[in-house]
Structure formats: structure tokens, C-alpha cells
Amino acid sequence: MKKILTAILMAAVLLTSVLAFTACGGGSSEAVLKVIDIPLTNEEYAFAVAKGDAELLASVNSFLAEIKANGKFDEIVNKYFGDGTPTGVTSAAEDASKDQLVVATNAAFAPFEYKEGDTYYGIDMEIMAALAESLGKELVISNMEFESVCTAVAEGMCDVAAAGLTVNETRKQILDFSDSYYNASQVVITKADDTTFDACKTVEDVEAILSALTAEDKVGVQTGTTGQFYVAGDADWGFAGFPCECVGYEVGALAAQNILNGNVKYVVIDIAPAKAIVENTNALN
């Protein structure tokens, strides 16, 4: 299982102030990192079940429609993007003799899933806890490498994938996706005093800079995520990639730290985790 510094994981509860970041820099003179707040991709997050599991898929979609209608979904989201307080989620031990909902995740992706000690937090985790309760099942959270999440569900080791999972045609070959519940995008993280992107107004402006990189330049990503496919290039995802070295990290926060360490020039990652990481890193420096 992955472990993340507790300080990094606390970033999820600080997201209100994170949203003040812009492409021109961070929120204070002490900032060491900043988010270039120009969306580079347009993605949909959804939950996923094994191919052909129509009954569970229908239950997930029905539940999502219900919590969106009754305000529960907005209440959960407000805990991470507004002024609400996150609620911890506890995982039961997996037991084949019990009626359980086993959820595959990668708890390294605040504010969607992260851990503090043995307790899980995040938008996905709270939704899954509520789903399990609605189904009358005990919740089991299986925390694993992000690259293993889809396989674990496709092969029947887990029931649902809940990991800030982007819907794409490749994954649809082995999984059935629920209705989308969140729109996401990739963004660039760079040093706060780096002015390279300051004049950028559009995605084309940012991509022109990325396209001018060379094999000597290193860009960090979280392994197995859309960011990796975007930077390295992937025909199935429709990304041409860029002429730089794509460096994968198990945790997005570690990738960002390596900007400060001088090991990578930029990091490309989903916008919500990007802002959480930058806010917390700046607070610690």
C-alpha cells in the first residue's frame, strides 16, 4: 500500500484557499510552487464495475441520481471544495462470509481519496460509504497502486473502482462506467518564480511551451494517470505527447516536491490534486 505524508493529505481540507491560485502565481510571497490555471484536457470522472455487471452498475447510477437530487452529493463536495468538514470513512476487513462492497482505490489522490492513519477521506470515499449503506452492505476499501485499480475490478477481486477514474475507450474495454459525477482536467505545476507561462491565456499557449521542450527536460506525472498519457503520448487516449522525458511517481505530491529538488522541470496532474498539493507545499515552506 502507498503511504503519504500526513501533511500532504491534510491538503484536502484546505482547498477553499487553494482556489485563489492563478496562472500568475500562488497566494502569498512565501509560495514556492504555483498552478498554471489553464485546463489542458477535458475529462469525466466516473465509478466503474466489471464488464457486464449490469445489476451493480444500475445500483450505482440510481444512487448517484438520488444523492444529486436530494443534495447529498453537493454536501459531500462542499466538504472538500467549500466550508464543510470532511468525514472519515473506516474500512472493514474483507470477509467472504459477509455481505460486503469491496472498493478498489488509490488513496493518494486528495481530495478524492486519501488517508490519515487508518481512516480514509475524500469525495469518492464518502460516496462509496454512503453507497454501501444504501445497499445494506459492509464497506471494504482495498487501497492499491493506481495502475492496479481497473484490473482488480475487471478480474473480480473488487466490486467498484473509485479512484478519480477518467472514462476512456481503453478502460471501457474491460469495465463498465457509471454516469459521470465530476469534470476534471490536467494542469501544470511549476516553481512560483518561474515566469515561463505567465503570458499564457489558452491551452494552445501552454502546449506551445511544452512542445518546445527537449529530451533534456523532465516532466513529472503520477504513474498510470491521464497526466502520464498526456505528457508521454498515447494513441488510445488521443494524446500526441511532448518531446521531453516523462518521469512517473507513485504519488503526485512526490512529483511536485521533485520540482523543488531540481529533478523535474514541471508536473502535469489533475487540477484538484494539483491545487491541494501546491497549497500544502507552500504552507510548509
C-alpha atoms as a PDB file:
ATOM      1  CA  MET A   1       0.000   0.000   0.000  1.00  0.00           C
ATOM      2  CA  LYS A   2       1.101   3.514  -0.602  1.00  0.00           C
ATOM      3  CA  LYS A   3       1.867   5.856   2.263  1.00  0.00           C
ATOM      4  CA  ILE A   4       1.639   9.630   2.036  1.00  0.00           C
ATOM      5  CA  LEU A   5       2.957  12.175   4.452  1.00  0.00           C
ATOM      6  CA  THR A   6       0.118  13.187   6.746  1.00  0.00           C
ATOM      7  CA  ALA A   7       0.848  16.803   5.990  1.00  0.00           C
ATOM      8  CA  ILE A   8       0.228  16.273   2.292  1.00  0.00           C
ATOM      9  CA  LEU A   9      -3.052  14.531   2.967  1.00  0.00           C
ATOM     10  CA  MET A  10      -4.275  17.386   5.130  1.00  0.00           C
ATOM     11  CA  ALA A  11      -4.315  19.463   1.957  1.00  0.00           C
ATOM     12  CA  ALA A  12      -7.840  18.329   1.162  1.00  0.00           C
ATOM     13  CA  VAL A  13      -9.334  20.344   3.994  1.00  0.00           C
ATOM     14  CA  LEU A  14      -7.539  23.489   2.826  1.00  0.00           C
ATOM     15  CA  LEU A  15      -8.932  23.588  -0.687  1.00  0.00           C
ATOM     16  CA  THR A  16     -11.013  26.728  -0.196  1.00  0.00           C
ATOM     17  CA  SER A  17      -7.913  28.872  -0.049  1.00  0.00           C
ATOM     18  CA  VAL A  18      -6.280  26.850  -2.797  1.00  0.00           C
ATOM     19  CA  LEU A  19      -8.858  28.046  -5.284  1.00  0.00           C
ATOM     20  CA  ALA A  20      -7.342  31.517  -5.102  1.00  0.00           C
ATOM     21  CA  PHE A  21      -4.320  30.355  -7.088  1.00  0.00           C
ATOM     22  CA  THR A  22      -3.966  31.638 -10.645  1.00  0.00           C
ATOM     23  CA  ALA A  23      -1.607  31.186 -13.510  1.00  0.00           C
ATOM     24  CA  CYS A  24       0.371  34.172 -12.310  1.00  0.00           C
ATOM     25  CA  GLY A  25       1.396  32.550  -9.038  1.00  0.00           C
ATOM     26  CA  GLY A  26       0.445  31.460  -5.551  1.00  0.00           C
ATOM     27  CA  GLY A  27      -1.423  33.152  -2.746  1.00  0.00           C
ATOM     28  CA  SER A  28       1.499  34.669  -0.792  1.00  0.00           C
ATOM     29  CA  SER A  29       5.074  35.902  -1.094  1.00  0.00           C
ATOM     30  CA  GLU A  30       6.164  32.658   0.568  1.00  0.00           C
ATOM     31  CA  ALA A  31       4.881  30.492  -2.269  1.00  0.00           C
ATOM     32  CA  VAL A  32       7.386  28.051  -3.773  1.00  0.00           C
ATOM     33  CA  LEU A  33       5.052  26.366  -6.272  1.00  0.00           C
ATOM     34  CA  LYS A  34       2.122  27.536  -8.366  1.00  0.00           C
ATOM     35  CA  VAL A  35      -0.585  26.073 -10.556  1.00  0.00           C
ATOM     36  CA  ILE A  36      -0.891  27.258 -14.137  1.00  0.00           C
ATOM     37  CA  ASP A  37      -4.666  27.517 -14.021  1.00  0.00           C
ATOM     38  CA  ILE A  38      -5.341  26.720 -17.670  1.00  0.00           C
ATOM     39  CA  PRO A  39      -7.137  23.368 -18.264  1.00  0.00           C
ATOM     40  CA  LEU A  40      -5.240  21.243 -20.778  1.00  0.00           C
ATOM     41  CA  THR A  41      -7.755  18.415 -21.116  1.00  0.00           C
ATOM     42  CA  ASN A  42     -11.451  17.795 -20.633  1.00  0.00           C
ATOM     43  CA  GLU A  43     -12.181  14.596 -18.737  1.00  0.00           C
ATOM     44  CA  GLU A  44     -15.070  12.923 -16.955  1.00  0.00           C
ATOM     45  CA  TYR A  45     -14.667  11.004 -13.705  1.00  0.00           C
ATOM     46  CA  ALA A  46     -16.907   8.022 -13.068  1.00  0.00           C
ATOM     47  CA  PHE A  47     -17.021   4.875 -10.980  1.00  0.00           C
ATOM     48  CA  ALA A  48     -16.576   1.522 -12.690  1.00  0.00           C
ATOM     49  CA  VAL A  49     -17.690  -2.087 -12.286  1.00  0.00           C
ATOM     50  CA  ALA A  50     -16.712  -5.308 -14.023  1.00  0.00           C
ATOM     51  CA  LYS A  51     -17.832  -5.631 -17.619  1.00  0.00           C
ATOM     52  CA  GLY A  52     -21.363  -6.990 -17.729  1.00  0.00           C
ATOM     53  CA  ASP A  53     -22.234  -6.382 -14.060  1.00  0.00           C
ATOM     54  CA  ALA A  54     -25.468  -4.661 -15.018  1.00  0.00           C
ATOM     55  CA  GLU A  55     -27.120  -5.032 -11.610  1.00  0.00           C
ATOM     56  CA  LEU A  56     -24.374  -3.277  -9.663  1.00  0.00           C
ATOM     57  CA  LEU A  57     -23.959  -0.629 -12.365  1.00  0.00           C
ATOM     58  CA  ALA A  58     -27.681   0.143 -12.180  1.00  0.00           C
ATOM     59  CA  SER A  59     -27.434   0.423  -8.394  1.00  0.00           C
ATOM     60  CA  VAL A  60     -24.507   2.853  -8.632  1.00  0.00           C
ATOM     61  CA  ASN A  61     -26.246   5.016 -11.232  1.00  0.00           C
ATOM     62  CA  SER A  62     -29.511   5.019  -9.288  1.00  0.00           C
ATOM     63  CA  PHE A  63     -27.655   6.023  -6.132  1.00  0.00           C
ATOM     64  CA  LEU A  64     -25.749   8.824  -7.897  1.00  0.00           C
ATOM     65  CA  ALA A  65     -29.009  10.197  -9.288  1.00  0.00           C
ATOM     66  CA  GLU A  66     -30.569  10.037  -5.839  1.00  0.00           C
ATOM     67  CA  ILE A  67     -27.794  11.890  -3.995  1.00  0.00           C
ATOM     68  CA  LYS A  68     -27.584  14.527  -6.713  1.00  0.00           C
ATOM     69  CA  ALA A  69     -31.334  15.098  -6.408  1.00  0.00           C
ATOM     70  CA  ASN A  70     -31.512  15.197  -2.601  1.00  0.00           C
ATOM     71  CA  GLY A  71     -28.434  17.383  -2.091  1.00  0.00           C
ATOM     72  CA  LYS A  72     -26.212  14.713  -0.532  1.00  0.00           C
ATOM     73  CA  PHE A  73     -23.713  14.903  -3.390  1.00  0.00           C
ATOM     74  CA  ASP A  74     -23.333  18.674  -3.061  1.00  0.00           C
ATOM     75  CA  GLU A  75     -22.961  18.264   0.698  1.00  0.00           C
ATOM     76  CA  ILE A  76     -20.059  15.847   0.238  1.00  0.00           C
ATOM     77  CA  VAL A  77     -18.353  18.003  -2.388  1.00  0.00           C
ATOM     78  CA  ASN A  78     -18.697  21.071  -0.156  1.00  0.00           C
ATOM     79  CA  LYS A  79     -16.628  19.304   2.493  1.00  0.00           C
ATOM     80  CA  TYR A  80     -13.639  19.376   0.150  1.00  0.00           C
ATOM     81  CA  PHE A  81     -14.220  22.428  -2.045  1.00  0.00           C
ATOM     82  CA  GLY A  82     -16.188  24.592   0.362  1.00  0.00           C
ATOM     83  CA  ASP A  83     -16.517  25.215   4.075  1.00  0.00           C
ATOM     84  CA  GLY A  84     -17.712  21.769   5.166  1.00  0.00           C
ATOM     85  CA  THR A  85     -15.744  19.360   7.341  1.00  0.00           C
ATOM     86  CA  PRO A  86     -14.572  16.043   5.800  1.00  0.00           C
ATOM     87  CA  THR A  87     -15.980  12.886   7.349  1.00  0.00           C
ATOM     88  CA  GLY A  88     -13.659   9.948   7.881  1.00  0.00           C
ATOM     89  CA  VAL A  89     -14.510   6.563   6.399  1.00  0.00           C
ATOM     90  CA  THR A  90     -13.474   3.284   8.007  1.00  0.00           C
ATOM     91  CA  SER A  91     -12.846   0.102   6.060  1.00  0.00           C
ATOM     92  CA  ALA A  92     -13.954  -3.269   7.377  1.00  0.00           C
ATOM     93  CA  ALA A  93     -11.715  -6.305   6.968  1.00  0.00           C
ATOM     94  CA  GLU A  94     -12.570  -8.307   3.885  1.00  0.00           C
ATOM     95  CA  ASP A  95     -14.580 -11.406   4.793  1.00  0.00           C
ATOM     96  CA  ALA A  96     -16.126 -13.623   2.135  1.00  0.00           C
ATOM     97  CA  SER A  97     -18.776 -14.815   4.606  1.00  0.00           C
ATOM     98  CA  LYS A  98     -20.220 -11.283   4.906  1.00  0.00           C
ATOM     99  CA  ASP A  99     -22.252  -9.153   2.532  1.00  0.00           C
ATOM    100  CA  GLN A 100     -19.645  -6.570   1.581  1.00  0.00           C
ATOM    101  CA  LEU A 101     -18.978  -3.932  -1.054  1.00  0.00           C
ATOM    102  CA  VAL A 102     -15.280  -4.078  -1.915  1.00  0.00           C
ATOM    103  CA  VAL A 103     -13.990  -0.826  -3.404  1.00  0.00           C
ATOM    104  CA  ALA A 104     -10.681  -0.541  -5.232  1.00  0.00           C
ATOM    105  CA  THR A 105      -8.921   2.794  -4.820  1.00  0.00           C
ATOM    106  CA  ASN A 106      -5.574   4.524  -4.698  1.00  0.00           C
ATOM    107  CA  ALA A 107      -5.582   6.688  -1.579  1.00  0.00           C
ATOM    108  CA  ALA A 108      -3.009   9.110  -2.944  1.00  0.00           C
ATOM    109  CA  PHE A 109      -5.289  11.486  -4.763  1.00  0.00           C
ATOM    110  CA  ALA A 110      -6.676  14.164  -2.466  1.00  0.00           C
ATOM    111  CA  PRO A 111      -9.369  15.425  -2.432  1.00  0.00           C
ATOM    112  CA  PHE A 112     -10.962  12.341  -3.996  1.00  0.00           C
ATOM    113  CA  GLU A 113      -9.267   9.687  -1.855  1.00  0.00           C
ATOM    114  CA  TYR A 114      -6.565   9.920   0.796  1.00  0.00           C
ATOM    115  CA  LYS A 115      -5.706   8.548   4.231  1.00  0.00           C
ATOM    116  CA  GLU A 116      -4.912   9.865   7.654  1.00  0.00           C
ATOM    117  CA  GLY A 117      -3.706   6.924   9.709  1.00  0.00           C
ATOM    118  CA  ASP A 118      -6.172   4.095   9.110  1.00  0.00           C
ATOM    119  CA  THR A 119      -9.027   6.423   8.188  1.00  0.00           C
ATOM    120  CA  TYR A 120      -9.990   7.241   4.614  1.00  0.00           C
ATOM    121  CA  TYR A 121     -11.210  10.622   3.440  1.00  0.00           C
ATOM    122  CA  GLY A 122     -12.236  12.104   0.123  1.00  0.00           C
ATOM    123  CA  ILE A 123     -15.181  12.689  -2.173  1.00  0.00           C
ATOM    124  CA  ASP A 124     -15.037   9.177  -3.634  1.00  0.00           C
ATOM    125  CA  MET A 125     -14.666   7.530  -0.238  1.00  0.00           C
ATOM    126  CA  GLU A 126     -17.644   9.331   1.268  1.00  0.00           C
ATOM    127  CA  ILE A 127     -19.781   8.484  -1.765  1.00  0.00           C
ATOM    128  CA  MET A 128     -18.758   4.834  -1.533  1.00  0.00           C
ATOM    129  CA  ALA A 129     -19.534   4.743   2.194  1.00  0.00           C
ATOM    130  CA  ALA A 130     -22.992   6.127   1.514  1.00  0.00           C
ATOM    131  CA  LEU A 131     -23.483   3.681  -1.379  1.00  0.00           C
ATOM    132  CA  ALA A 132     -22.569   0.692   0.793  1.00  0.00           C
ATOM    133  CA  GLU A 133     -25.001   1.857   3.459  1.00  0.00           C
ATOM    134  CA  SER A 134     -27.787   2.269   0.912  1.00  0.00           C
ATOM    135  CA  LEU A 135     -27.160  -1.274  -0.354  1.00  0.00           C
ATOM    136  CA  GLY A 136     -27.101  -2.681   3.163  1.00  0.00           C
ATOM    137  CA  LYS A 137     -23.516  -3.830   2.713  1.00  0.00           C
ATOM    138  CA  GLU A 138     -20.354  -3.509   4.773  1.00  0.00           C
ATOM    139  CA  LEU A 139     -17.732  -1.301   3.120  1.00  0.00           C
ATOM    140  CA  VAL A 140     -14.276  -2.702   2.410  1.00  0.00           C
ATOM    141  CA  ILE A 141     -11.690  -0.363   0.885  1.00  0.00           C
ATOM    142  CA  SER A 142      -8.833  -2.018  -0.970  1.00  0.00           C
ATOM    143  CA  ASN A 143      -6.011   0.514  -1.296  1.00  0.00           C
ATOM    144  CA  MET A 144      -3.596  -0.307  -4.109  1.00  0.00           C
ATOM    145  CA  GLU A 145      -1.366   1.114  -6.836  1.00  0.00           C
ATOM    146  CA  PHE A 146      -3.428   3.214  -9.243  1.00  0.00           C
ATOM    147  CA  GLU A 147      -2.363   1.048 -12.169  1.00  0.00           C
ATOM    148  CA  SER A 148      -3.941  -1.998 -10.471  1.00  0.00           C
ATOM    149  CA  VAL A 149      -7.360  -0.475  -9.767  1.00  0.00           C
ATOM    150  CA  CYS A 150      -9.003  -1.247 -13.118  1.00  0.00           C
ATOM    151  CA  THR A 151      -7.544  -4.750 -13.268  1.00  0.00           C
ATOM    152  CA  ALA A 152      -8.691  -5.567  -9.727  1.00  0.00           C
ATOM    153  CA  VAL A 153     -12.289  -4.765 -10.646  1.00  0.00           C
ATOM    154  CA  ALA A 154     -12.165  -6.309 -14.116  1.00  0.00           C
ATOM    155  CA  GLU A 155     -10.878  -9.581 -12.653  1.00  0.00           C
ATOM    156  CA  GLY A 156     -13.482  -9.691  -9.887  1.00  0.00           C
ATOM    157  CA  MET A 157     -11.173  -9.036  -6.946  1.00  0.00           C
ATOM    158  CA  CYS A 158     -13.106  -5.851  -6.122  1.00  0.00           C
ATOM    159  CA  ASP A 159     -16.645  -4.690  -6.886  1.00  0.00           C
ATOM    160  CA  VAL A 160     -16.234  -0.998  -7.696  1.00  0.00           C
ATOM    161  CA  ALA A 161     -13.365   1.202  -8.848  1.00  0.00           C
ATOM    162  CA  ALA A 162     -13.434   4.578  -7.105  1.00  0.00           C
ATOM    163  CA  ALA A 163     -10.163   6.361  -7.755  1.00  0.00           C
ATOM    164  CA  GLY A 164     -10.741   9.632  -9.581  1.00  0.00           C
ATOM    165  CA  LEU A 165     -11.063   7.438 -12.642  1.00  0.00           C
ATOM    166  CA  THR A 166     -11.203   9.081 -16.062  1.00  0.00           C
ATOM    167  CA  VAL A 167     -13.565   7.484 -18.570  1.00  0.00           C
ATOM    168  CA  ASN A 168     -11.864   6.473 -21.811  1.00  0.00           C
ATOM    169  CA  GLU A 169     -12.318   3.923 -24.578  1.00  0.00           C
ATOM    170  CA  THR A 170      -9.397   1.738 -23.492  1.00  0.00           C
ATOM    171  CA  ARG A 171     -10.790   1.282 -19.994  1.00  0.00           C
ATOM    172  CA  LYS A 172     -14.265   0.704 -21.411  1.00  0.00           C
ATOM    173  CA  GLN A 173     -12.967  -2.480 -22.991  1.00  0.00           C
ATOM    174  CA  ILE A 174     -12.690  -4.140 -19.564  1.00  0.00           C
ATOM    175  CA  LEU A 175     -15.011  -2.055 -17.378  1.00  0.00           C
ATOM    176  CA  ASP A 176     -18.495  -0.578 -17.422  1.00  0.00           C
ATOM    177  CA  PHE A 177     -18.586   3.022 -16.214  1.00  0.00           C
ATOM    178  CA  SER A 178     -21.250   4.724 -14.181  1.00  0.00           C
ATOM    179  CA  ASP A 179     -22.709   8.081 -15.059  1.00  0.00           C
ATOM    180  CA  SER A 180     -20.115  10.825 -14.729  1.00  0.00           C
ATOM    181  CA  TYR A 181     -20.015  12.679 -11.426  1.00  0.00           C
ATOM    182  CA  TYR A 182     -17.136  15.147 -11.934  1.00  0.00           C
ATOM    183  CA  ASN A 183     -15.434  17.025 -14.780  1.00  0.00           C
ATOM    184  CA  ALA A 184     -11.648  17.175 -14.489  1.00  0.00           C
ATOM    185  CA  SER A 185      -8.663  18.495 -16.412  1.00  0.00           C
ATOM    186  CA  GLN A 186      -4.868  18.366 -16.380  1.00  0.00           C
ATOM    187  CA  VAL A 187      -2.809  21.408 -15.387  1.00  0.00           C
ATOM    188  CA  VAL A 188       0.856  22.295 -14.993  1.00  0.00           C
ATOM    189  CA  ILE A 189       2.605  22.848 -11.652  1.00  0.00           C
ATOM    190  CA  THR A 190       5.810  24.860 -11.721  1.00  0.00           C
ATOM    191  CA  LYS A 191       8.009  26.910  -9.398  1.00  0.00           C
ATOM    192  CA  ALA A 192       6.317  30.057  -8.115  1.00  0.00           C
ATOM    193  CA  ASP A 193       9.070  32.279  -9.500  1.00  0.00           C
ATOM    194  CA  ASP A 194       9.049  30.652 -12.950  1.00  0.00           C
ATOM    195  CA  THR A 195       7.590  33.185 -15.390  1.00  0.00           C
ATOM    196  CA  THR A 196       7.570  30.872 -18.417  1.00  0.00           C
ATOM    197  CA  PHE A 197       3.782  30.522 -18.519  1.00  0.00           C
ATOM    198  CA  ASP A 198       2.813  33.958 -17.230  1.00  0.00           C
ATOM    199  CA  ALA A 199       1.700  35.270 -20.619  1.00  0.00           C
ATOM    200  CA  CYS A 200      -0.334  32.157 -21.420  1.00  0.00           C
ATOM    201  CA  LYS A 201      -4.057  32.635 -21.974  1.00  0.00           C
ATOM    202  CA  THR A 202      -5.092  29.432 -23.753  1.00  0.00           C
ATOM    203  CA  VAL A 203      -4.313  25.724 -23.830  1.00  0.00           C
ATOM    204  CA  GLU A 204      -2.543  26.337 -27.142  1.00  0.00           C
ATOM    205  CA  ASP A 205      -0.218  28.808 -25.429  1.00  0.00           C
ATOM    206  CA  VAL A 206       0.726  26.272 -22.751  1.00  0.00           C
ATOM    207  CA  GLU A 207       1.130  23.426 -25.221  1.00  0.00           C
ATOM    208  CA  ALA A 208       3.402  25.558 -27.416  1.00  0.00           C
ATOM    209  CA  ILE A 209       5.776  25.856 -24.461  1.00  0.00           C
ATOM    210  CA  LEU A 210       5.563  22.146 -23.670  1.00  0.00           C
ATOM    211  CA  SER A 211       6.155  21.319 -27.336  1.00  0.00           C
ATOM    212  CA  ALA A 212       9.381  23.340 -27.244  1.00  0.00           C
ATOM    213  CA  LEU A 213      10.845  21.130 -24.516  1.00  0.00           C
ATOM    214  CA  THR A 214      13.681  18.749 -25.377  1.00  0.00           C
ATOM    215  CA  ALA A 215      14.756  15.295 -24.274  1.00  0.00           C
ATOM    216  CA  GLU A 216      16.906  17.015 -21.650  1.00  0.00           C
ATOM    217  CA  ASP A 217      13.789  18.355 -19.914  1.00  0.00           C
ATOM    218  CA  LYS A 218      11.941  16.199 -17.376  1.00  0.00           C
ATOM    219  CA  VAL A 219       8.234  16.494 -16.584  1.00  0.00           C
ATOM    220  CA  GLY A 220       6.784  14.652 -13.598  1.00  0.00           C
ATOM    221  CA  VAL A 221       3.454  12.819 -13.530  1.00  0.00           C
ATOM    222  CA  GLN A 222       1.598  10.383 -11.318  1.00  0.00           C
ATOM    223  CA  THR A 223       2.111   6.940 -12.839  1.00  0.00           C
ATOM    224  CA  GLY A 224      -0.874   5.443 -14.621  1.00  0.00           C
ATOM    225  CA  THR A 225      -2.919   8.632 -14.676  1.00  0.00           C
ATOM    226  CA  THR A 226      -4.124  10.809 -17.525  1.00  0.00           C
ATOM    227  CA  GLY A 227      -1.187  13.121 -16.843  1.00  0.00           C
ATOM    228  CA  GLN A 228       1.240  10.384 -17.861  1.00  0.00           C
ATOM    229  CA  PHE A 229      -0.614   9.654 -21.085  1.00  0.00           C
ATOM    230  CA  TYR A 230      -0.856  13.369 -21.858  1.00  0.00           C
ATOM    231  CA  VAL A 231       2.867  14.036 -21.413  1.00  0.00           C
ATOM    232  CA  ALA A 232       4.294  10.785 -22.803  1.00  0.00           C
ATOM    233  CA  GLY A 233       1.720  10.473 -25.578  1.00  0.00           C
ATOM    234  CA  ASP A 234      -0.808   7.707 -26.063  1.00  0.00           C
ATOM    235  CA  ALA A 235      -2.729   6.991 -29.253  1.00  0.00           C
ATOM    236  CA  ASP A 236      -5.610   5.311 -27.430  1.00  0.00           C
ATOM    237  CA  TRP A 237      -6.132   8.439 -25.351  1.00  0.00           C
ATOM    238  CA  GLY A 238      -5.654  10.735 -28.339  1.00  0.00           C
ATOM    239  CA  PHE A 239      -2.552  12.450 -26.923  1.00  0.00           C
ATOM    240  CA  ALA A 240       0.456  13.151 -29.129  1.00  0.00           C
ATOM    241  CA  GLY A 241       2.788  13.752 -26.185  1.00  0.00           C
ATOM    242  CA  PHE A 242       5.711  16.156 -25.885  1.00  0.00           C
ATOM    243  CA  PRO A 243       9.460  15.892 -26.662  1.00  0.00           C
ATOM    244  CA  CYS A 244      10.539  15.642 -23.010  1.00  0.00           C
ATOM    245  CA  GLU A 245      11.329  12.844 -20.590  1.00  0.00           C
ATOM    246  CA  CYS A 246       8.182  11.790 -18.730  1.00  0.00           C
ATOM    247  CA  VAL A 247       9.061  10.814 -15.140  1.00  0.00           C
ATOM    248  CA  GLY A 248       6.477   8.782 -13.245  1.00  0.00           C
ATOM    249  CA  TYR A 249       5.918   8.943  -9.481  1.00  0.00           C
ATOM    250  CA  GLU A 250       3.606   6.819  -7.347  1.00  0.00           C
ATOM    251  CA  VAL A 251       2.327   9.947  -5.593  1.00  0.00           C
ATOM    252  CA  GLY A 252       1.589  13.312  -7.189  1.00  0.00           C
ATOM    253  CA  ALA A 253       2.901  15.172  -4.150  1.00  0.00           C
ATOM    254  CA  LEU A 254       6.277  13.489  -4.560  1.00  0.00           C
ATOM    255  CA  ALA A 255       6.399  14.575  -8.188  1.00  0.00           C
ATOM    256  CA  ALA A 256       5.760  18.174  -7.148  1.00  0.00           C
ATOM    257  CA  GLN A 257       8.416  18.009  -4.448  1.00  0.00           C
ATOM    258  CA  ASN A 258      10.875  17.000  -7.122  1.00  0.00           C
ATOM    259  CA  ILE A 259      10.351  20.338  -8.849  1.00  0.00           C
ATOM    260  CA  LEU A 260      11.865  21.930  -5.754  1.00  0.00           C
ATOM    261  CA  ASN A 261      14.582  19.279  -5.666  1.00  0.00           C
ATOM    262  CA  GLY A 262      15.510  20.118  -9.244  1.00  0.00           C
ATOM    263  CA  ASN A 263      14.737  16.642 -10.571  1.00  0.00           C
ATOM    264  CA  VAL A 264      11.859  17.686 -12.828  1.00  0.00           C
ATOM    265  CA  LYS A 265      11.015  20.974 -14.504  1.00  0.00           C
ATOM    266  CA  TYR A 266       7.221  20.769 -14.305  1.00  0.00           C
ATOM    267  CA  VAL A 267       4.483  18.411 -13.138  1.00  0.00           C
ATOM    268  CA  VAL A 268       1.266  17.660 -15.021  1.00  0.00           C
ATOM    269  CA  ILE A 269      -1.596  16.377 -12.867  1.00  0.00           C
ATOM    270  CA  ASP A 270      -5.355  16.727 -12.329  1.00  0.00           C
ATOM    271  CA  ILE A 271      -6.387  20.200 -11.229  1.00  0.00           C
ATOM    272  CA  ALA A 272      -7.948  19.369  -7.834  1.00  0.00           C
ATOM    273  CA  PRO A 273      -4.952  17.385  -6.533  1.00  0.00           C
ATOM    274  CA  ALA A 274      -2.636  19.987  -8.105  1.00  0.00           C
ATOM    275  CA  LYS A 275      -4.175  22.782  -6.073  1.00  0.00           C
ATOM    276  CA  ALA A 276      -4.193  20.694  -2.895  1.00  0.00           C
ATOM    277  CA  ILE A 277      -0.517  19.806  -3.315  1.00  0.00           C
ATOM    278  CA  VAL A 278       0.549  23.368  -4.103  1.00  0.00           C
ATOM    279  CA  GLU A 279      -1.406  24.855  -1.202  1.00  0.00           C
ATOM    280  CA  ASN A 280       0.088  22.463   1.302  1.00  0.00           C
ATOM    281  CA  THR A 281       3.632  22.637  -0.092  1.00  0.00           C
ATOM    282  CA  ASN A 282       3.538  26.425   0.074  1.00  0.00           C
ATOM    283  CA  ALA A 283       2.225  26.296   3.634  1.00  0.00           C
ATOM    284  CA  LEU A 284       5.151  24.112   4.669  1.00  0.00           C
ATOM    285  CA  ASN A 285       7.869  26.268   3.091  1.00  0.00           C
END
